[in-house]
N, C-alpha and C. Protein backbone atom coordinates (compact mmCIF):
# COMPACT_ATOMS: atom_id res chain seq x y z
N MET A 1 109.94 107.45 123.96
CA MET A 1 108.65 107.66 123.16
C MET A 1 108.98 107.59 121.65
N LYS A 2 110.19 107.75 121.26
CA LYS A 2 110.46 107.58 119.84
C LYS A 2 110.18 106.18 119.31
N TYR A 3 110.28 105.14 120.25
CA TYR A 3 110.00 103.86 119.75
C TYR A 3 108.51 103.70 119.52
N PHE A 4 107.65 104.32 120.29
CA PHE A 4 106.15 104.27 120.04
C PHE A 4 105.90 105.05 118.77
N LEU A 5 106.43 106.28 118.63
CA LEU A 5 106.25 107.08 117.43
C LEU A 5 106.61 106.34 116.15
N ARG A 6 107.59 105.49 116.23
CA ARG A 6 107.99 104.80 115.06
C ARG A 6 106.93 103.82 114.49
N GLN A 7 105.85 103.45 115.38
CA GLN A 7 104.88 102.73 114.95
C GLN A 7 103.70 103.42 114.34
N VAL A 8 103.74 104.70 114.32
CA VAL A 8 102.58 105.61 113.84
C VAL A 8 102.81 105.83 112.40
N ASP A 9 101.81 105.62 111.69
CA ASP A 9 101.97 105.70 110.14
C ASP A 9 102.47 107.08 109.64
N ILE A 10 102.00 108.11 110.21
CA ILE A 10 102.36 109.52 109.71
C ILE A 10 103.92 109.86 110.07
N PHE A 11 104.56 109.06 110.80
CA PHE A 11 105.90 109.16 111.19
C PHE A 11 106.82 108.15 110.34
N TYR A 12 106.14 107.48 109.42
CA TYR A 12 106.98 106.46 108.65
C TYR A 12 108.24 107.02 107.96
N ASP A 13 109.19 106.31 108.16
CA ASP A 13 110.49 106.63 107.34
C ASP A 13 111.21 107.83 107.96
N LEU A 14 110.86 108.14 109.26
CA LEU A 14 111.68 109.28 109.88
C LEU A 14 112.89 108.68 110.64
N SER A 15 113.99 109.42 110.67
CA SER A 15 115.17 108.90 111.36
C SER A 15 114.97 108.94 112.93
N ASP A 16 115.81 108.39 113.60
CA ASP A 16 115.73 108.57 115.05
C ASP A 16 115.88 110.01 115.47
N ASP A 17 116.74 110.74 114.99
CA ASP A 17 116.89 112.15 115.31
C ASP A 17 115.56 112.96 114.92
N GLN A 18 114.87 112.56 113.92
CA GLN A 18 113.68 113.41 113.49
C GLN A 18 112.58 112.78 114.41
N LEU A 19 112.47 111.58 114.94
CA LEU A 19 111.57 111.07 115.84
C LEU A 19 111.71 111.74 117.14
N GLU A 20 112.95 112.01 117.49
CA GLU A 20 113.18 112.70 118.85
C GLU A 20 112.67 114.16 118.78
N LYS A 21 112.83 114.69 117.67
CA LYS A 21 112.32 116.12 117.49
C LYS A 21 110.77 116.15 117.61
N VAL A 22 110.13 115.14 116.94
CA VAL A 22 108.71 114.98 117.04
C VAL A 22 108.36 114.83 118.50
N ALA A 23 109.01 113.92 119.20
CA ALA A 23 108.75 113.62 120.57
C ALA A 23 108.63 114.89 121.44
N THR A 24 109.56 115.88 121.10
CA THR A 24 109.50 117.16 121.97
C THR A 24 108.20 117.89 121.84
N ILE A 25 107.39 117.73 120.79
CA ILE A 25 106.26 118.51 120.68
C ILE A 25 104.98 117.67 121.01
N CYS A 26 105.13 116.53 121.40
CA CYS A 26 104.03 115.63 121.78
C CYS A 26 103.59 115.89 123.28
N GLN A 27 102.35 116.14 123.58
CA GLN A 27 101.92 116.44 124.95
C GLN A 27 100.95 115.25 125.31
N PRO A 28 101.38 114.45 126.41
CA PRO A 28 100.57 113.29 126.83
C PRO A 28 99.37 113.78 127.54
N VAL A 29 98.30 113.18 127.33
CA VAL A 29 96.97 113.57 128.10
C VAL A 29 96.32 112.19 128.33
N THR A 30 95.57 112.08 129.45
CA THR A 30 94.77 110.84 129.93
C THR A 30 93.33 111.21 130.06
N TYR A 31 92.39 110.42 129.57
CA TYR A 31 91.02 110.60 129.60
C TYR A 31 90.38 109.28 130.25
N ASN A 32 89.14 109.50 130.68
CA ASN A 32 88.40 108.32 131.21
C ASN A 32 87.37 107.93 130.15
N ALA A 33 86.77 106.70 130.27
CA ALA A 33 85.73 106.21 129.47
C ALA A 33 84.67 107.32 129.34
N GLY A 34 84.13 107.64 128.16
CA GLY A 34 82.94 108.63 127.98
C GLY A 34 83.44 109.96 127.90
N ASP A 35 84.66 110.34 128.23
CA ASP A 35 85.24 111.67 128.11
C ASP A 35 85.18 112.11 126.59
N LEU A 36 84.80 113.34 126.44
CA LEU A 36 84.72 113.85 125.07
C LEU A 36 86.15 114.43 124.82
N VAL A 37 86.87 114.16 123.77
CA VAL A 37 88.16 114.77 123.41
C VAL A 37 87.82 116.10 122.61
N PHE A 38 86.79 115.97 121.67
CA PHE A 38 86.47 117.17 120.98
C PHE A 38 85.12 116.85 120.34
N ALA A 39 84.38 118.00 120.21
CA ALA A 39 82.97 117.86 119.76
C ALA A 39 82.90 118.16 118.17
N GLU A 40 81.94 117.52 117.64
CA GLU A 40 81.68 117.74 116.19
C GLU A 40 81.39 119.15 115.93
N ASN A 41 81.84 119.81 114.85
CA ASN A 41 81.75 121.18 114.55
C ASN A 41 82.50 122.17 115.42
N SER A 42 83.33 121.63 116.15
CA SER A 42 84.21 122.59 117.01
C SER A 42 85.42 122.94 116.21
N THR A 43 86.07 124.11 116.59
CA THR A 43 87.24 124.53 115.98
C THR A 43 88.43 123.57 116.27
N SER A 44 89.45 123.58 115.46
CA SER A 44 90.54 122.59 115.63
C SER A 44 91.76 123.23 115.37
N ASP A 45 92.80 122.71 116.08
CA ASP A 45 94.16 123.17 115.93
C ASP A 45 95.17 122.11 116.45
N GLU A 46 94.71 120.87 116.63
CA GLU A 46 95.64 119.81 117.04
C GLU A 46 95.18 118.44 116.55
N MET A 47 96.14 117.59 116.59
CA MET A 47 95.94 116.18 116.16
C MET A 47 96.14 115.34 117.35
N TYR A 48 95.71 114.05 117.43
CA TYR A 48 95.78 113.14 118.41
C TYR A 48 96.28 111.79 118.10
N ILE A 49 97.10 111.15 118.81
CA ILE A 49 97.59 109.77 118.66
C ILE A 49 97.15 108.88 119.80
N VAL A 50 96.60 107.80 119.45
CA VAL A 50 96.07 106.91 120.61
C VAL A 50 97.41 106.13 121.07
N VAL A 51 97.75 106.24 122.32
CA VAL A 51 98.80 105.44 122.95
C VAL A 51 98.31 104.25 123.54
N GLU A 52 97.12 104.33 124.33
CA GLU A 52 96.59 103.23 125.05
C GLU A 52 95.10 103.54 125.15
N GLY A 53 94.28 102.41 125.14
CA GLY A 53 92.90 102.58 125.20
C GLY A 53 92.27 102.70 123.81
N ALA A 54 91.13 103.31 123.68
CA ALA A 54 90.42 103.36 122.41
C ALA A 54 89.63 104.64 122.33
N VAL A 55 89.37 105.10 121.20
CA VAL A 55 88.69 106.39 120.91
C VAL A 55 87.59 106.10 119.82
N GLN A 56 86.39 106.42 120.18
CA GLN A 56 85.25 106.28 119.06
C GLN A 56 85.19 107.58 118.38
N ILE A 57 85.12 107.56 117.12
CA ILE A 57 84.86 108.73 116.24
C ILE A 57 83.28 108.64 115.97
N GLN A 58 82.63 109.79 116.29
CA GLN A 58 81.22 109.77 116.21
C GLN A 58 80.64 110.90 115.40
N VAL A 59 79.60 110.74 114.73
CA VAL A 59 78.77 111.75 113.99
C VAL A 59 77.32 111.73 114.59
N ASP A 60 76.74 112.87 114.50
CA ASP A 60 75.38 113.01 114.97
C ASP A 60 74.59 113.61 113.85
N PRO A 61 73.66 112.82 113.35
CA PRO A 61 72.80 113.32 112.26
C PRO A 61 72.02 114.48 112.66
N ALA A 62 71.72 114.71 113.93
CA ALA A 62 70.92 115.88 114.43
C ALA A 62 71.55 117.25 114.12
N ILE A 63 72.96 117.09 113.96
CA ILE A 63 73.58 118.35 113.67
C ILE A 63 73.17 118.99 112.23
N LEU A 64 72.68 118.14 111.35
CA LEU A 64 72.25 118.53 110.06
C LEU A 64 70.88 119.23 110.14
N GLY A 65 70.19 119.13 111.29
CA GLY A 65 68.95 119.84 111.42
C GLY A 65 67.78 118.98 110.86
N LEU A 66 68.00 117.66 110.46
CA LEU A 66 66.86 116.92 109.98
C LEU A 66 66.07 116.34 111.10
N ASP A 67 64.85 116.49 111.02
CA ASP A 67 63.96 115.94 112.12
C ASP A 67 63.16 114.65 111.71
N ASN A 68 63.17 114.38 110.41
CA ASN A 68 62.34 113.26 109.85
C ASN A 68 63.26 112.25 109.14
N PRO A 69 63.53 111.10 109.74
CA PRO A 69 63.09 110.63 110.91
C PRO A 69 63.94 111.23 112.11
N PRO A 70 63.49 111.08 113.31
CA PRO A 70 64.28 111.59 114.39
C PRO A 70 65.67 110.99 114.48
N SER A 71 66.63 111.74 114.87
CA SER A 71 67.98 111.36 115.01
C SER A 71 68.16 110.41 116.04
N PRO A 72 68.93 109.25 115.89
CA PRO A 72 69.21 108.35 116.87
C PRO A 72 70.25 108.79 117.89
N GLY A 73 70.83 109.85 117.60
CA GLY A 73 71.86 110.46 118.43
C GLY A 73 73.27 110.13 117.84
N PRO A 74 74.25 110.53 118.51
CA PRO A 74 75.59 110.13 118.04
C PRO A 74 75.83 108.66 117.66
N THR A 75 76.51 108.52 116.37
CA THR A 75 76.73 107.10 115.95
C THR A 75 78.14 107.00 115.75
N THR A 76 78.76 105.86 116.33
CA THR A 76 80.12 105.56 116.19
C THR A 76 80.46 105.00 114.78
N ILE A 77 81.36 105.84 114.04
CA ILE A 77 81.68 105.27 112.70
C ILE A 77 83.06 104.55 112.64
N ALA A 78 83.82 104.80 113.77
CA ALA A 78 85.13 104.11 113.77
C ALA A 78 85.56 104.09 115.22
N THR A 79 86.40 103.08 115.51
CA THR A 79 87.01 102.91 116.87
C THR A 79 88.53 102.81 116.60
N LEU A 80 89.30 103.74 117.18
CA LEU A 80 90.71 103.73 116.96
C LEU A 80 91.45 103.25 118.25
N HIS A 81 92.56 102.53 117.88
CA HIS A 81 93.33 102.02 119.03
C HIS A 81 94.92 102.43 118.92
N SER A 82 95.60 101.85 119.72
CA SER A 82 97.06 102.20 119.78
C SER A 82 97.76 102.47 118.46
N GLY A 83 98.45 103.59 118.39
CA GLY A 83 99.15 103.89 117.13
C GLY A 83 98.39 104.65 116.04
N GLN A 84 97.07 104.68 116.25
CA GLN A 84 96.24 105.37 115.18
C GLN A 84 96.06 106.85 115.47
N VAL A 85 95.89 107.59 114.47
CA VAL A 85 95.86 109.05 114.49
C VAL A 85 94.45 109.56 114.18
N PHE A 86 93.98 110.59 114.83
CA PHE A 86 92.89 111.29 114.33
C PHE A 86 92.92 112.82 114.61
N GLY A 87 92.07 113.48 113.86
CA GLY A 87 92.11 115.00 113.89
C GLY A 87 93.30 115.61 113.04
N GLU A 88 93.90 114.78 112.21
CA GLU A 88 95.08 115.38 111.52
C GLU A 88 94.72 116.42 110.45
N VAL A 89 93.39 116.51 110.04
CA VAL A 89 93.02 117.55 109.20
C VAL A 89 93.27 118.92 109.84
N ALA A 90 93.22 119.01 111.15
CA ALA A 90 93.49 120.32 111.79
C ALA A 90 94.87 120.75 111.55
N LEU A 91 95.82 119.88 111.19
CA LEU A 91 97.10 120.23 110.87
C LEU A 91 97.27 120.85 109.47
N VAL A 92 96.29 120.70 108.72
CA VAL A 92 96.30 121.08 107.26
C VAL A 92 95.51 122.36 107.10
N ASP A 93 94.34 122.44 107.79
CA ASP A 93 93.57 123.61 107.72
C ASP A 93 92.89 123.89 109.09
N ARG A 94 92.21 124.98 109.24
CA ARG A 94 91.56 125.37 110.43
C ARG A 94 90.16 125.30 110.43
N GLY A 95 89.62 124.26 109.61
CA GLY A 95 88.20 124.08 109.67
C GLY A 95 87.66 123.50 110.90
N VAL A 96 86.39 123.25 110.90
CA VAL A 96 85.78 122.68 112.05
C VAL A 96 85.83 121.10 112.04
N ARG A 97 85.74 120.52 113.11
CA ARG A 97 85.81 119.03 113.12
C ARG A 97 84.61 118.45 112.49
N SER A 98 84.81 117.42 111.62
CA SER A 98 83.76 116.82 110.93
C SER A 98 83.14 115.66 111.72
N ALA A 99 83.68 115.34 112.83
CA ALA A 99 83.20 114.38 113.77
C ALA A 99 83.60 114.69 115.17
N ALA A 100 82.97 113.97 116.14
CA ALA A 100 83.42 114.08 117.53
C ALA A 100 84.26 112.88 117.85
N ALA A 101 85.16 113.13 118.90
CA ALA A 101 85.97 111.93 119.37
C ALA A 101 85.64 111.75 120.79
N ARG A 102 85.23 110.44 121.26
CA ARG A 102 84.96 110.18 122.66
C ARG A 102 85.75 108.97 123.04
N CYS A 103 86.23 108.97 124.26
CA CYS A 103 87.10 107.85 124.71
C CYS A 103 86.22 106.70 125.19
N ALA A 104 86.66 105.52 124.72
CA ALA A 104 85.85 104.26 124.92
C ALA A 104 86.22 103.51 126.07
N ASN A 105 87.52 103.82 126.59
CA ASN A 105 88.04 102.91 127.68
C ASN A 105 88.70 103.88 128.78
N SER A 106 88.82 103.33 130.01
CA SER A 106 89.62 104.00 131.05
C SER A 106 90.86 103.22 131.38
N PRO A 107 91.91 103.73 131.52
CA PRO A 107 92.30 105.11 130.92
C PRO A 107 92.56 105.04 129.48
N THR A 108 92.39 106.15 128.81
CA THR A 108 92.78 106.23 127.48
C THR A 108 93.87 107.37 127.40
N GLN A 109 95.06 106.90 126.93
CA GLN A 109 96.07 107.83 126.83
C GLN A 109 96.30 108.31 125.40
N LEU A 110 96.50 109.54 125.26
CA LEU A 110 96.66 110.14 123.87
C LEU A 110 97.93 111.06 123.95
N LEU A 111 98.53 111.31 122.73
CA LEU A 111 99.54 112.34 122.56
C LEU A 111 98.87 113.35 121.66
N VAL A 112 99.13 114.61 122.05
CA VAL A 112 98.52 115.77 121.36
C VAL A 112 99.62 116.42 120.65
N ILE A 113 99.49 116.83 119.42
CA ILE A 113 100.38 117.64 118.67
C ILE A 113 99.58 118.88 118.20
N LYS A 114 100.00 120.03 118.68
CA LYS A 114 99.47 121.27 118.24
C LYS A 114 99.92 121.64 116.94
N ARG A 115 99.06 122.27 116.06
CA ARG A 115 99.41 122.83 114.74
C ARG A 115 100.68 123.70 114.80
N GLU A 116 100.62 124.67 115.65
CA GLU A 116 101.68 125.61 115.71
C GLU A 116 103.02 125.07 116.01
N ASP A 117 102.97 124.10 116.94
CA ASP A 117 104.30 123.34 117.21
C ASP A 117 104.77 122.55 116.10
N LEU A 118 103.83 121.78 115.30
CA LEU A 118 104.22 121.10 114.14
C LEU A 118 104.78 122.08 113.03
N THR A 119 104.06 123.14 112.87
CA THR A 119 104.57 124.07 111.83
C THR A 119 105.88 124.61 112.12
N ARG A 120 106.08 124.96 113.35
CA ARG A 120 107.49 125.44 113.74
C ARG A 120 108.56 124.31 113.50
N LEU A 121 108.29 123.15 113.81
CA LEU A 121 109.20 122.05 113.62
C LEU A 121 109.42 121.73 112.11
N CYS A 122 108.34 121.89 111.39
CA CYS A 122 108.49 121.67 109.86
C CYS A 122 109.38 122.83 109.25
N GLU A 123 109.16 124.05 109.83
CA GLU A 123 109.96 125.16 109.23
C GLU A 123 111.42 125.13 109.68
N GLU A 124 111.74 124.48 110.79
CA GLU A 124 113.09 124.33 111.24
C GLU A 124 113.79 123.18 110.48
N ASP A 125 113.04 122.23 110.09
CA ASP A 125 113.63 121.06 109.38
C ASP A 125 112.78 120.75 108.17
N TYR A 126 113.04 121.19 107.06
CA TYR A 126 112.21 121.03 105.84
C TYR A 126 112.13 119.61 105.44
N GLN A 127 113.08 118.73 105.58
CA GLN A 127 113.12 117.47 105.24
C GLN A 127 112.08 116.69 106.09
N LEU A 128 112.19 116.93 107.38
CA LEU A 128 111.14 116.41 108.33
C LEU A 128 109.74 116.75 108.00
N GLY A 129 109.60 118.07 107.76
CA GLY A 129 108.22 118.62 107.45
C GLY A 129 107.75 117.97 106.12
N TYR A 130 108.51 117.86 105.16
CA TYR A 130 108.13 117.23 103.92
C TYR A 130 107.62 115.78 104.13
N GLN A 131 108.42 114.98 104.85
CA GLN A 131 108.05 113.62 105.08
C GLN A 131 106.70 113.56 105.91
N ILE A 132 106.72 114.32 106.91
CA ILE A 132 105.39 114.20 107.74
C ILE A 132 104.22 114.61 106.92
N MET A 133 104.30 115.73 106.21
CA MET A 133 103.11 116.29 105.38
C MET A 133 102.73 115.12 104.24
N ARG A 134 103.77 114.48 103.73
CA ARG A 134 103.49 113.54 102.69
C ARG A 134 102.77 112.35 103.34
N ASN A 135 103.27 112.01 104.50
CA ASN A 135 102.54 110.88 105.21
C ASN A 135 101.20 111.26 105.64
N ILE A 136 100.98 112.52 106.13
CA ILE A 136 99.56 112.92 106.47
C ILE A 136 98.68 112.90 105.23
N ALA A 137 99.27 113.38 104.07
CA ALA A 137 98.54 113.42 102.82
C ALA A 137 98.12 111.93 102.42
N ALA A 138 99.01 110.92 102.56
CA ALA A 138 98.69 109.52 102.23
C ALA A 138 97.64 108.95 103.27
N ALA A 139 97.69 109.39 104.49
CA ALA A 139 96.69 108.88 105.42
C ALA A 139 95.38 109.46 105.13
N LEU A 140 95.28 110.88 104.71
CA LEU A 140 93.95 111.46 104.49
C LEU A 140 93.52 110.85 103.22
N ALA A 141 94.34 110.55 102.12
CA ALA A 141 93.94 109.96 100.92
C ALA A 141 93.15 108.60 101.14
N PHE A 142 93.94 107.70 102.02
CA PHE A 142 93.49 106.53 102.37
C PHE A 142 91.99 106.54 102.92
N LYS A 143 91.81 107.57 103.91
CA LYS A 143 90.53 107.72 104.53
C LYS A 143 89.44 108.21 103.62
N ILE A 144 89.88 109.03 102.63
CA ILE A 144 88.90 109.47 101.61
C ILE A 144 88.45 108.29 100.72
N ARG A 145 89.45 107.52 100.35
CA ARG A 145 89.11 106.23 99.54
C ARG A 145 88.19 105.40 100.32
N MET A 146 88.41 105.17 101.60
CA MET A 146 87.55 104.32 102.39
C MET A 146 86.19 104.80 102.42
N THR A 147 86.06 106.11 102.64
CA THR A 147 84.75 106.82 102.75
C THR A 147 84.09 106.65 101.42
N ASP A 148 84.72 106.92 100.30
CA ASP A 148 84.19 106.71 98.94
C ASP A 148 83.66 105.39 98.73
N LEU A 149 84.34 104.33 99.16
CA LEU A 149 83.82 102.96 99.13
C LEU A 149 82.61 102.73 99.95
N ASP A 150 82.50 103.30 101.10
CA ASP A 150 81.43 103.24 102.03
C ASP A 150 80.14 103.89 101.30
N VAL A 151 80.39 105.06 100.83
CA VAL A 151 79.24 105.80 100.11
C VAL A 151 78.82 105.00 99.01
N ARG A 152 79.75 104.51 98.15
CA ARG A 152 79.14 103.62 97.07
C ARG A 152 78.43 102.47 97.59
N ALA A 153 78.82 101.84 98.59
CA ALA A 153 78.09 100.64 99.11
C ALA A 153 76.73 101.10 99.53
N GLN A 154 76.69 102.17 100.25
CA GLN A 154 75.35 102.65 100.69
C GLN A 154 74.46 102.95 99.48
N LEU A 155 74.97 103.58 98.42
CA LEU A 155 74.14 103.94 97.26
C LEU A 155 73.67 102.74 96.45
N LEU A 156 74.60 101.65 96.48
CA LEU A 156 74.27 100.51 95.60
C LEU A 156 73.53 99.36 96.34
N TRP A 157 73.52 99.58 97.72
CA TRP A 157 72.85 98.55 98.53
C TRP A 157 71.34 98.51 98.25
N ARG A 158 70.80 97.29 98.00
CA ARG A 158 69.40 97.11 97.90
C ARG A 158 68.79 95.96 98.74
N PRO A 159 67.88 96.22 99.40
CA PRO A 159 67.28 95.10 100.27
C PRO A 159 66.95 93.90 99.46
N PRO A 160 67.05 92.72 100.04
CA PRO A 160 66.78 91.59 99.32
C PRO A 160 65.31 91.47 98.95
N SER A 161 64.93 91.04 97.75
CA SER A 161 63.61 90.99 97.32
C SER A 161 63.06 89.69 97.93
N VAL A 162 61.75 89.85 98.30
CA VAL A 162 61.08 88.73 99.04
C VAL A 162 60.16 87.94 98.07
């Protein structure tokens, strides 16, 4: 498993021994197409890594309670594939999920890392903890920057004049 973990961005620059430690807290799970991994606005305490298959990250405008115009239902804002991570904010805080995650393929294999297991591992090996948290911070910063660019594009987009 450490060879797979080496491909995951949040484990960048970890030694073989450190990757072995991380592997001990990874729990494999398998889902079918259409299965919900977690719902938007649900509580969270774990992060996921896609091993095989695909996961759609979805938001539902209806959650905002806006009826005008009627909500089209959940909208996929990203599709994640092997080696990609989602739900990592749960490792930093205990807020609610900002989106839902739904499996797009059968089978979809994920690795789950629980917050309490990662916290324990980080407390046992401070160097490992520092590197993982630095990498999580970098991944979250990248996602914030991409979201910022998307918001700017939405605000600046104008339909072509006829």
